[in-house]
């Protein structure tokens, strides 16, 4: 068995792992825990050539291992996975001025954006999750991973990878339908695979473009509207400036916490994010989702029938 690269990173002061493991719920779709549950493993790298990253948080230095990458690449991947280079203090200064999220900088101290390995993976997840519940989306993803995904072995642990573009193209739209995808979503995944194969912009390129231009690039793809593009830029690129104003869970949160009515126009929701969190809309989105989940046990007439966070109202074209 190939021996892993071993190295370490020093996390910033504001980093919640491992004290708040429950906060990983927003990245757990591909994370595997091993041993005593402290070490987590995640497929990383390019869509066609993934490798395994392992991170064991603890104390002032976190252990990082990689099967298929060198120390420098492994350290960068670990920092990207948990967005460790985002200056969270700047976001918390905005939180303390906002009556909606004030207090979450203490309650969820150190919670950072969990990343996907690349924008292809983030788009695949977002397309599958459109207009259906989280539970239904997860069931389809499990079938896709079982049928077309790649499983990598690391220390005897099987780490799942999303189906690479080559396997999506080999299956074709009709071959994707048995996994539970609609015809429109199947065609969208095939076009996504072509886009990657033909030279899609890198995450770095999408991070450097103005937000409107980055969204426009992704929205040029079949089945990708504003909601899907913004989720992919948040998760697959790690931008801090994406307020996902069309997300139903976010709207429910804003209504529940007294900021806006649930039926407020998307432009009004976006304006709220721009006003309170310029440059930090992604974290406002994440903390609103997290606060809503944490307080879900308290009934509220404005949100009791709401879909779970990230249920989507976007249209697949």
Foldseek 3Di string as FASTA:
>chain_A
DDDKAKDKDFFDPFACPPVCVVLCPVVPLFWDADDPRQKIKGWADDLVDTWIWIWRDDDRMIMIIIDPDHDVVNVVVVCQQQVRVDPCVVVLVLQCVDLQNNPVCVVVTNRGQGADRALLVLLLLLLLQAQDAPVNSSQLQVLQQVPAWDWDDDPNDTGIDGHGLVSLCVCALVNSVVSPDDSLSSVLNNQSSVCVVVPHDTLVVLQPDPVVVSLVSQVVGFFRDNLSSLSSNCHRNVFQARQNLQWQLLLLLCCQSPNDQSPDDSVVSVVVCCVRPHRHNSVVLSSSLVVCVVCVVPDDPRPVPTGHTRRHDDDGD
